[in-house]
Amino acid sequence: MQAGYVLVDDHDFETAQKMGCPVKATQGGMDIYPPGKVTGFSSDHVTISGKNGSKRLFRSVNRFEVVEAAAAAQE
């Protein structure tokens, strides 16, 4: 996954979770939660864990975007 890739369907979230890509959540261009790794997801929510702990965010009202490419995140 490349930086800037927007996660939309379950396959996207599963891939980001497996690869450990840092993901940020935004609403209307504003960052809602700092970048972190996807630790769980459902049809309604996405859980992101980062420096500030874990946050469960509504999937329908947030935009989830990869911050770093997968290879860079694993180094």
Protein backbone atom coordinates (compact mmCIF):
# COMPACT_ATOMS: atom_id res chain seq x y z
CA MET A 1 0.00 0.00 0.00
CA GLN A 2 1.26 3.44 -0.91
CA ALA A 3 0.99 6.67 1.08
CA GLY A 4 -2.25 8.46 0.23
CA TYR A 5 -4.21 5.26 -0.48
CA VAL A 6 -7.76 5.58 0.88
CA LEU A 7 -9.16 2.54 2.68
CA VAL A 8 -12.71 1.82 1.57
CA ASP A 9 -13.70 -1.85 1.75
CA ASP A 10 -12.96 -4.70 4.16
CA HIS A 11 -10.11 -5.97 1.99
CA ASP A 12 -8.36 -2.58 2.27
CA PHE A 13 -8.62 -2.54 6.07
CA GLU A 14 -7.50 -6.17 6.32
CA THR A 15 -4.45 -5.49 4.11
CA ALA A 16 -3.49 -2.37 6.09
CA GLN A 17 -3.85 -4.32 9.33
CA LYS A 18 -1.69 -7.23 8.12
CA MET A 19 1.00 -4.93 6.67
CA GLY A 20 1.07 -2.62 9.68
CA CYS A 21 0.60 0.54 7.63
CA PRO A 22 0.08 3.73 9.66
CA VAL A 23 -3.39 5.09 8.90
CA LYS A 24 -4.96 8.44 9.80
CA ALA A 25 -8.63 9.30 10.15
CA THR A 26 -10.01 12.55 8.76
CA GLN A 27 -13.35 14.30 8.46
CA GLY A 28 -13.76 17.12 5.98
CA GLY A 29 -10.00 17.60 5.66
CA MET A 30 -9.37 17.76 9.43
CA ASP A 31 -7.37 15.05 11.22
CA ILE A 32 -9.62 13.35 13.75
CA TYR A 33 -7.03 10.98 15.22
CA PRO A 34 -3.25 10.86 14.77
CA PRO A 35 -1.76 8.11 12.59
CA GLY A 36 -1.70 4.62 14.02
CA LYS A 37 -2.08 0.99 13.02
CA VAL A 38 -5.43 -0.64 12.31
CA THR A 39 -5.98 -3.16 15.10
CA GLY A 40 -9.59 -4.04 14.36
CA PHE A 41 -12.49 -3.26 12.07
CA SER A 42 -16.12 -4.13 11.46
CA SER A 43 -18.82 -2.90 9.14
CA ASP A 44 -19.41 0.04 11.53
CA HIS A 45 -16.09 0.82 13.24
CA VAL A 46 -12.32 0.91 12.76
CA THR A 47 -9.92 0.76 15.72
CA ILE A 48 -6.62 2.59 15.36
CA SER A 49 -3.84 2.16 17.93
CA GLY A 50 -1.02 4.65 18.19
CA LYS A 51 1.02 6.73 20.62
CA ASN A 52 -2.15 8.05 22.27
CA GLY A 53 -3.64 4.59 22.91
CA SER A 54 -6.51 3.06 20.94
CA LYS A 55 -9.49 4.80 19.43
CA ARG A 56 -12.60 3.24 17.92
CA LEU A 57 -13.90 5.41 15.08
CA PHE A 58 -17.09 5.27 13.04
CA ARG A 59 -16.32 3.97 9.59
CA SER A 60 -19.19 5.75 7.80
CA VAL A 61 -18.27 9.32 8.81
CA ASN A 62 -14.46 9.15 8.65
CA ARG A 63 -12.00 8.86 5.79
CA PHE A 64 -9.11 6.48 6.47
CA GLU A 65 -5.89 7.10 4.57
CA VAL A 66 -2.50 5.35 4.57
CA VAL A 67 0.20 7.74 5.83
CA GLU A 68 3.32 5.70 4.96
CA ALA A 69 3.98 3.04 2.36
CA ALA A 70 3.96 -0.50 3.74
CA ALA A 71 7.66 -1.13 3.11
CA ALA A 72 8.64 2.08 4.94
CA ALA A 73 6.38 1.21 7.88
CA GLN A 74 8.04 -2.19 8.38
CA GLU A 75 11.65 -0.90 8.36
